[in-house]
Amino acid sequence: MIRKGVFCVLVGLLFHGMHAQESVLQFHIQFGNAPLELGKKYISLNDTLQIGTLKFYVSNVEIQYADASVHKPKNDYHLIDIEDLNTLKIPIPESKKPIKKITFNIGVDSLASVSGALGGDLDPAKGMYWAWQSGYINMKIEGKSKSCQTRKNEFQFHIGGYQKPNYAMRKIELNTADSNVVVDIEELFSNIRLANSNSIMIPGKQAMAIADYSAKMFKAQ
């Protein structure tokens, strides 16, 4: 038999757990309609290719509910890395209110870029920081394709830049009732010919074009 005092403690813990419950903003990285697998050969509109690395920053997440209330998670910078499945989930509070819209930025804003090396997901050890002059790499995609006349047929896209006119951060707005976000890499490569463009490592016009293309990858499920 459970004593009255113990019972009250158990109920209190359960009640507290219910209120502390969280949901997640879940990113599903795909190539077309199938989950992306590193090293697997895919055929885009223009090339056959393999992805070896895929990382990108998500920042300034806002969840807008049907009653016009808005939730902004406290931790504002999230490094999404396909090699770490835990990074594909951003915690958000559990809510019975219907979601109306999800907005977020792809990349790191100028404030964080000029603040110097930071910790957490912004730690330079993550391999996504150039230097204070150039700031953070918003998105890094690397892989191989026989279309590339490069060493080992490799391609490298390190997209970033925080100073105008080369401001690479892009805002994503999804009108959706769901907290699942599809990231379709095929959308990006349908706009690229790897024989002509296969190495972008600094801010500039080419990086801005890739940033524009990359924004089309993000869709509501």
C-alpha atoms as a PDB file:
ATOM      1  CA  MET A   1       0.000   0.000   0.000  1.00  0.00           C
ATOM      2  CA  ILE A   2       1.277   3.479  -0.914  1.00  0.00           C
ATOM      3  CA  ARG A   3       1.195   5.967   1.945  1.00  0.00           C
ATOM      4  CA  LYS A   4      -0.722   9.195   1.442  1.00  0.00           C
ATOM      5  CA  GLY A   5       2.414  11.364   1.577  1.00  0.00           C
ATOM      6  CA  VAL A   6       4.301   9.211  -0.926  1.00  0.00           C
ATOM      7  CA  PHE A   7       1.254   9.162  -3.187  1.00  0.00           C
ATOM      8  CA  CYS A   8       1.124  12.973  -3.176  1.00  0.00           C
ATOM      9  CA  VAL A   9       4.812  13.165  -4.089  1.00  0.00           C
ATOM     10  CA  LEU A  10       4.321  10.737  -6.979  1.00  0.00           C
ATOM     11  CA  VAL A  11       1.319  12.672  -8.269  1.00  0.00           C
ATOM     12  CA  GLY A  12       3.287  15.901  -7.962  1.00  0.00           C
ATOM     13  CA  LEU A  13       6.176  14.488  -9.980  1.00  0.00           C
ATOM     14  CA  LEU A  14       3.801  13.212 -12.630  1.00  0.00           C
ATOM     15  CA  PHE A  15       2.020  16.561 -12.808  1.00  0.00           C
ATOM     16  CA  HIS A  16       5.337  18.399 -13.084  1.00  0.00           C
ATOM     17  CA  GLY A  17       6.489  16.012 -15.815  1.00  0.00           C
ATOM     18  CA  MET A  18       3.327  16.656 -17.812  1.00  0.00           C
ATOM     19  CA  HIS A  19       3.934  20.394 -17.720  1.00  0.00           C
ATOM     20  CA  ALA A  20       7.623  19.965 -18.571  1.00  0.00           C
ATOM     21  CA  GLN A  21       6.812  17.809 -21.572  1.00  0.00           C
ATOM     22  CA  GLU A  22       8.308  18.964 -24.842  1.00  0.00           C
ATOM     23  CA  SER A  23       7.736  18.356 -28.496  1.00  0.00           C
ATOM     24  CA  VAL A  24      10.283  18.815 -31.287  1.00  0.00           C
ATOM     25  CA  LEU A  25      10.753  20.596 -34.569  1.00  0.00           C
ATOM     26  CA  GLN A  26      11.884  17.609 -36.624  1.00  0.00           C
ATOM     27  CA  PHE A  27      14.025  17.932 -39.758  1.00  0.00           C
ATOM     28  CA  HIS A  28      13.776  15.130 -42.349  1.00  0.00           C
ATOM     29  CA  ILE A  29      16.725  15.238 -44.750  1.00  0.00           C
ATOM     30  CA  GLN A  30      15.872  13.626 -48.063  1.00  0.00           C
ATOM     31  CA  PHE A  31      16.947  13.306 -51.666  1.00  0.00           C
ATOM     32  CA  GLY A  32      13.659  13.413 -53.533  1.00  0.00           C
ATOM     33  CA  ASN A  33      11.135  11.285 -51.678  1.00  0.00           C
ATOM     34  CA  ALA A  34      13.628   9.062 -49.826  1.00  0.00           C
ATOM     35  CA  PRO A  35      15.800   9.697 -46.742  1.00  0.00           C
ATOM     36  CA  LEU A  36      19.283  10.898 -47.709  1.00  0.00           C
ATOM     37  CA  GLU A  37      22.033   8.308 -47.168  1.00  0.00           C
ATOM     38  CA  LEU A  38      25.630   9.497 -47.064  1.00  0.00           C
ATOM     39  CA  GLY A  39      27.767   7.878 -49.738  1.00  0.00           C
ATOM     40  CA  LYS A  40      24.812   6.611 -51.779  1.00  0.00           C
ATOM     41  CA  LYS A  41      24.727   7.535 -55.474  1.00  0.00           C
ATOM     42  CA  TYR A  42      21.880   9.810 -56.510  1.00  0.00           C
ATOM     43  CA  ILE A  43      20.852  11.170 -59.887  1.00  0.00           C
ATOM     44  CA  SER A  44      19.888  14.827 -59.986  1.00  0.00           C
ATOM     45  CA  LEU A  45      18.579  16.754 -62.969  1.00  0.00           C
ATOM     46  CA  ASN A  46      22.152  17.345 -64.149  1.00  0.00           C
ATOM     47  CA  ASP A  47      24.541  14.920 -62.424  1.00  0.00           C
ATOM     48  CA  THR A  48      25.137  11.660 -60.605  1.00  0.00           C
ATOM     49  CA  LEU A  49      26.512  12.455 -57.165  1.00  0.00           C
ATOM     50  CA  GLN A  50      27.229  11.274 -53.632  1.00  0.00           C
ATOM     51  CA  ILE A  51      26.894  13.367 -50.481  1.00  0.00           C
ATOM     52  CA  GLY A  52      29.621  12.953 -47.853  1.00  0.00           C
ATOM     53  CA  THR A  53      28.984  15.933 -45.569  1.00  0.00           C
ATOM     54  CA  LEU A  54      25.872  17.980 -44.870  1.00  0.00           C
ATOM     55  CA  LYS A  55      25.691  20.596 -42.112  1.00  0.00           C
ATOM     56  CA  PHE A  56      23.717  23.818 -41.790  1.00  0.00           C
ATOM     57  CA  TYR A  57      22.701  26.316 -39.132  1.00  0.00           C
ATOM     58  CA  VAL A  58      19.091  26.962 -38.128  1.00  0.00           C
ATOM     59  CA  SER A  59      18.495  30.137 -36.102  1.00  0.00           C
ATOM     60  CA  ASN A  60      15.735  32.461 -34.893  1.00  0.00           C
ATOM     61  CA  VAL A  61      13.063  29.753 -34.815  1.00  0.00           C
ATOM     62  CA  GLU A  62       9.503  31.010 -34.300  1.00  0.00           C
ATOM     63  CA  ILE A  63       6.406  28.852 -33.893  1.00  0.00           C
ATOM     64  CA  GLN A  64       3.231  30.810 -34.620  1.00  0.00           C
ATOM     65  CA  TYR A  65      -0.013  29.310 -33.344  1.00  0.00           C
ATOM     66  CA  ALA A  66      -3.551  29.700 -34.652  1.00  0.00           C
ATOM     67  CA  ASP A  67      -4.383  32.147 -31.838  1.00  0.00           C
ATOM     68  CA  ALA A  68      -1.554  34.436 -33.067  1.00  0.00           C
ATOM     69  CA  SER A  69       0.690  33.639 -30.075  1.00  0.00           C
ATOM     70  CA  VAL A  70       4.350  33.011 -30.909  1.00  0.00           C
ATOM     71  CA  HIS A  71       6.963  30.804 -29.259  1.00  0.00           C
ATOM     72  CA  LYS A  72      10.682  31.495 -29.637  1.00  0.00           C
ATOM     73  CA  PRO A  73      13.043  28.820 -28.220  1.00  0.00           C
ATOM     74  CA  LYS A  74      15.729  30.182 -25.892  1.00  0.00           C
ATOM     75  CA  ASN A  75      18.698  28.546 -27.616  1.00  0.00           C
ATOM     76  CA  ASP A  76      18.698  30.396 -30.903  1.00  0.00           C
ATOM     77  CA  TYR A  77      21.465  28.668 -32.903  1.00  0.00           C
ATOM     78  CA  HIS A  78      21.261  25.024 -33.900  1.00  0.00           C
ATOM     79  CA  LEU A  79      23.794  23.146 -36.017  1.00  0.00           C
ATOM     80  CA  ILE A  80      22.021  20.469 -38.035  1.00  0.00           C
ATOM     81  CA  ASP A  81      24.414  17.647 -38.936  1.00  0.00           C
ATOM     82  CA  ILE A  82      23.154  14.605 -40.828  1.00  0.00           C
ATOM     83  CA  GLU A  83      25.804  12.478 -39.079  1.00  0.00           C
ATOM     84  CA  ASP A  84      24.259  13.239 -35.672  1.00  0.00           C
ATOM     85  CA  LEU A  85      20.563  12.316 -35.615  1.00  0.00           C
ATOM     86  CA  ASN A  86      20.070  14.148 -32.304  1.00  0.00           C
ATOM     87  CA  THR A  87      20.732  17.464 -34.052  1.00  0.00           C
ATOM     88  CA  LEU A  88      17.761  16.956 -36.376  1.00  0.00           C
ATOM     89  CA  LYS A  89      15.383  17.709 -33.490  1.00  0.00           C
ATOM     90  CA  ILE A  90      14.917  21.167 -31.975  1.00  0.00           C
ATOM     91  CA  PRO A  91      12.904  21.089 -28.719  1.00  0.00           C
ATOM     92  CA  ILE A  92       9.712  23.162 -28.576  1.00  0.00           C
ATOM     93  CA  PRO A  93       7.042  23.167 -25.824  1.00  0.00           C
ATOM     94  CA  GLU A  94       4.192  20.703 -26.094  1.00  0.00           C
ATOM     95  CA  SER A  95       1.059  22.689 -26.913  1.00  0.00           C
ATOM     96  CA  LYS A  96      -2.576  21.863 -27.641  1.00  0.00           C
ATOM     97  CA  LYS A  97      -2.806  25.002 -29.764  1.00  0.00           C
ATOM     98  CA  PRO A  98      -2.710  24.314 -33.510  1.00  0.00           C
ATOM     99  CA  ILE A  99       0.432  25.452 -35.301  1.00  0.00           C
ATOM    100  CA  LYS A 100      -0.173  27.941 -38.114  1.00  0.00           C
ATOM    101  CA  LYS A 101       3.303  28.903 -39.295  1.00  0.00           C
ATOM    102  CA  ILE A 102       6.949  28.033 -38.656  1.00  0.00           C
ATOM    103  CA  THR A 103       9.720  30.474 -39.515  1.00  0.00           C
ATOM    104  CA  PHE A 104      13.484  30.192 -39.097  1.00  0.00           C
ATOM    105  CA  ASN A 105      16.708  31.371 -40.665  1.00  0.00           C
ATOM    106  CA  ILE A 106      19.248  29.252 -42.477  1.00  0.00           C
ATOM    107  CA  GLY A 107      22.542  30.593 -41.233  1.00  0.00           C
ATOM    108  CA  VAL A 108      24.058  32.787 -38.541  1.00  0.00           C
ATOM    109  CA  ASP A 109      23.301  36.504 -38.308  1.00  0.00           C
ATOM    110  CA  SER A 110      25.835  39.303 -38.412  1.00  0.00           C
ATOM    111  CA  LEU A 111      25.641  39.909 -34.641  1.00  0.00           C
ATOM    112  CA  ALA A 112      26.915  36.413 -33.810  1.00  0.00           C
ATOM    113  CA  SER A 113      29.455  36.576 -36.630  1.00  0.00           C
ATOM    114  CA  VAL A 114      31.118  39.720 -35.277  1.00  0.00           C
ATOM    115  CA  SER A 115      30.879  38.685 -31.610  1.00  0.00           C
ATOM    116  CA  GLY A 116      33.910  36.451 -31.947  1.00  0.00           C
ATOM    117  CA  ALA A 117      34.131  32.732 -31.402  1.00  0.00           C
ATOM    118  CA  LEU A 118      31.215  31.493 -29.273  1.00  0.00           C
ATOM    119  CA  GLY A 119      30.408  28.207 -27.547  1.00  0.00           C
ATOM    120  CA  GLY A 120      27.806  25.485 -27.976  1.00  0.00           C
ATOM    121  CA  ASP A 121      26.775  24.892 -31.574  1.00  0.00           C
ATOM    122  CA  LEU A 122      28.702  28.046 -32.530  1.00  0.00           C
ATOM    123  CA  ASP A 123      31.984  26.627 -31.225  1.00  0.00           C
ATOM    124  CA  PRO A 124      34.643  26.883 -33.985  1.00  0.00           C
ATOM    125  CA  ALA A 125      35.552  23.267 -33.172  1.00  0.00           C
ATOM    126  CA  LYS A 126      32.375  22.306 -35.057  1.00  0.00           C
ATOM    127  CA  GLY A 127      34.195  23.214 -38.268  1.00  0.00           C
ATOM    128  CA  MET A 128      31.704  25.889 -39.336  1.00  0.00           C
ATOM    129  CA  TYR A 129      33.650  29.089 -38.600  1.00  0.00           C
ATOM    130  CA  TRP A 130      35.968  30.823 -41.053  1.00  0.00           C
ATOM    131  CA  ALA A 131      37.240  33.925 -39.204  1.00  0.00           C
ATOM    132  CA  TRP A 132      35.779  37.174 -37.890  1.00  0.00           C
ATOM    133  CA  GLN A 133      36.210  38.788 -41.346  1.00  0.00           C
ATOM    134  CA  SER A 134      33.987  36.168 -42.983  1.00  0.00           C
ATOM    135  CA  GLY A 135      32.010  34.825 -40.015  1.00  0.00           C
ATOM    136  CA  TYR A 136      30.283  31.464 -39.983  1.00  0.00           C
ATOM    137  CA  ILE A 137      29.665  28.917 -42.708  1.00  0.00           C
ATOM    138  CA  ASN A 138      25.873  28.797 -42.913  1.00  0.00           C
ATOM    139  CA  MET A 139      25.768  25.576 -44.898  1.00  0.00           C
ATOM    140  CA  LYS A 140      28.410  23.003 -45.800  1.00  0.00           C
ATOM    141  CA  ILE A 141      27.780  20.341 -48.451  1.00  0.00           C
ATOM    142  CA  GLU A 142      30.583  18.120 -49.711  1.00  0.00           C
ATOM    143  CA  GLY A 143      30.638  15.033 -51.871  1.00  0.00           C
ATOM    144  CA  LYS A 144      31.752  13.442 -55.122  1.00  0.00           C
ATOM    145  CA  SER A 145      30.596  13.377 -58.724  1.00  0.00           C
ATOM    146  CA  LYS A 146      32.239  12.222 -61.941  1.00  0.00           C
ATOM    147  CA  SER A 147      31.036  15.500 -63.408  1.00  0.00           C
ATOM    148  CA  CYS A 148      33.711  17.276 -61.337  1.00  0.00           C
ATOM    149  CA  GLN A 149      37.114  17.547 -62.973  1.00  0.00           C
ATOM    150  CA  THR A 150      38.711  17.943 -59.560  1.00  0.00           C
ATOM    151  CA  ARG A 151      40.907  15.916 -57.235  1.00  0.00           C
ATOM    152  CA  LYS A 152      39.044  12.677 -56.498  1.00  0.00           C
ATOM    153  CA  ASN A 153      36.018  14.179 -58.311  1.00  0.00           C
ATOM    154  CA  GLU A 154      35.139  16.102 -55.149  1.00  0.00           C
ATOM    155  CA  PHE A 155      32.821  19.080 -54.812  1.00  0.00           C
ATOM    156  CA  GLN A 156      32.712  21.501 -51.873  1.00  0.00           C
ATOM    157  CA  PHE A 157      30.120  24.148 -51.129  1.00  0.00           C
ATOM    158  CA  HIS A 158      30.827  26.231 -48.020  1.00  0.00           C
ATOM    159  CA  ILE A 159      28.160  28.922 -48.104  1.00  0.00           C
ATOM    160  CA  GLY A 160      28.316  31.956 -45.857  1.00  0.00           C
ATOM    161  CA  GLY A 161      28.911  35.684 -45.585  1.00  0.00           C
ATOM    162  CA  TYR A 162      27.369  38.319 -43.317  1.00  0.00           C
ATOM    163  CA  GLN A 163      28.397  41.592 -44.977  1.00  0.00           C
ATOM    164  CA  LYS A 164      26.244  43.162 -47.690  1.00  0.00           C
ATOM    165  CA  PRO A 165      25.950  42.589 -50.593  1.00  0.00           C
ATOM    166  CA  ASN A 166      27.105  39.070 -49.718  1.00  0.00           C
ATOM    167  CA  TYR A 167      24.682  38.346 -46.888  1.00  0.00           C
ATOM    168  CA  ALA A 168      24.031  34.609 -47.149  1.00  0.00           C
ATOM    169  CA  MET A 169      21.447  34.032 -44.402  1.00  0.00           C
ATOM    170  CA  ARG A 170      17.996  33.133 -45.755  1.00  0.00           C
ATOM    171  CA  LYS A 171      14.610  33.220 -44.017  1.00  0.00           C
ATOM    172  CA  ILE A 172      12.276  30.234 -44.349  1.00  0.00           C
ATOM    173  CA  GLU A 173       8.514  30.587 -43.814  1.00  0.00           C
ATOM    174  CA  LEU A 174       6.343  27.475 -43.799  1.00  0.00           C
ATOM    175  CA  ASN A 175       2.561  27.707 -43.535  1.00  0.00           C
ATOM    176  CA  THR A 176       1.898  24.408 -41.843  1.00  0.00           C
ATOM    177  CA  ALA A 177       0.004  22.757 -39.013  1.00  0.00           C
ATOM    178  CA  ASP A 178       2.850  20.284 -38.516  1.00  0.00           C
ATOM    179  CA  SER A 179       6.220  20.490 -36.744  1.00  0.00           C
ATOM    180  CA  ASN A 180       7.989  18.364 -39.357  1.00  0.00           C
ATOM    181  CA  VAL A 181      10.257  20.022 -41.934  1.00  0.00           C
ATOM    182  CA  VAL A 182      11.470  18.282 -45.092  1.00  0.00           C
ATOM    183  CA  VAL A 183      14.920  19.230 -46.408  1.00  0.00           C
ATOM    184  CA  ASP A 184      15.073  18.004 -50.010  1.00  0.00           C
ATOM    185  CA  ILE A 185      18.694  18.119 -51.229  1.00  0.00           C
ATOM    186  CA  GLU A 186      17.582  17.246 -54.753  1.00  0.00           C
ATOM    187  CA  GLU A 187      16.030  20.717 -55.013  1.00  0.00           C
ATOM    188  CA  LEU A 188      19.466  22.276 -54.576  1.00  0.00           C
ATOM    189  CA  PHE A 189      21.292  20.103 -57.080  1.00  0.00           C
ATOM    190  CA  SER A 190      18.580  20.498 -59.709  1.00  0.00           C
ATOM    191  CA  ASN A 191      19.838  24.106 -59.967  1.00  0.00           C
ATOM    192  CA  ILE A 192      23.548  23.249 -60.135  1.00  0.00           C
ATOM    193  CA  ARG A 193      25.732  21.803 -62.875  1.00  0.00           C
ATOM    194  CA  LEU A 194      28.686  20.303 -61.057  1.00  0.00           C
ATOM    195  CA  ALA A 195      30.842  20.381 -64.192  1.00  0.00           C
ATOM    196  CA  ASN A 196      30.642  24.192 -64.076  1.00  0.00           C
ATOM    197  CA  SER A 197      30.306  24.879 -60.343  1.00  0.00           C
ATOM    198  CA  ASN A 198      31.877  22.556 -57.797  1.00  0.00           C
ATOM    199  CA  SER A 199      33.961  24.608 -55.361  1.00  0.00           C
ATOM    200  CA  ILE A 200      32.646  27.629 -53.452  1.00  0.00           C
ATOM    201  CA  MET A 201      34.643  28.376 -50.321  1.00  0.00           C
ATOM    202  CA  ILE A 202      34.240  32.148 -49.767  1.00  0.00           C
ATOM    203  CA  PRO A 203      31.413  34.703 -49.691  1.00  0.00           C
ATOM    204  CA  GLY A 204      30.532  36.171 -53.084  1.00  0.00           C
ATOM    205  CA  LYS A 205      28.022  36.132 -55.944  1.00  0.00           C
ATOM    206  CA  GLN A 206      28.286  32.366 -56.428  1.00  0.00           C
ATOM    207  CA  ALA A 207      27.666  31.748 -52.730  1.00  0.00           C
ATOM    208  CA  MET A 208      24.619  34.053 -52.822  1.00  0.00           C
ATOM    209  CA  ALA A 209      23.170  32.070 -55.738  1.00  0.00           C
ATOM    210  CA  ILE A 210      23.625  28.776 -53.854  1.00  0.00           C
ATOM    211  CA  ALA A 211      22.044  30.345 -50.762  1.00  0.00           C
ATOM    212  CA  ASP A 212      19.010  31.283 -52.868  1.00  0.00           C
ATOM    213  CA  TYR A 213      18.767  27.760 -54.275  1.00  0.00           C
ATOM    214  CA  SER A 214      19.162  26.206 -50.810  1.00  0.00           C
ATOM    215  CA  ALA A 215      16.127  28.068 -49.479  1.00  0.00           C
ATOM    216  CA  LYS A 216      13.972  26.041 -51.876  1.00  0.00           C
ATOM    217  CA  MET A 217      15.000  22.798 -50.121  1.00  0.00           C
ATOM    218  CA  PHE A 218      12.854  23.469 -47.059  1.00  0.00           C
ATOM    219  CA  LYS A 219       9.229  22.363 -47.208  1.00  0.00           C
ATOM    220  CA  ALA A 220       6.390  21.461 -44.903  1.00  0.00           C
ATOM    221  CA  GLN A 221       5.869  17.713 -44.731  1.00  0.00           C
END
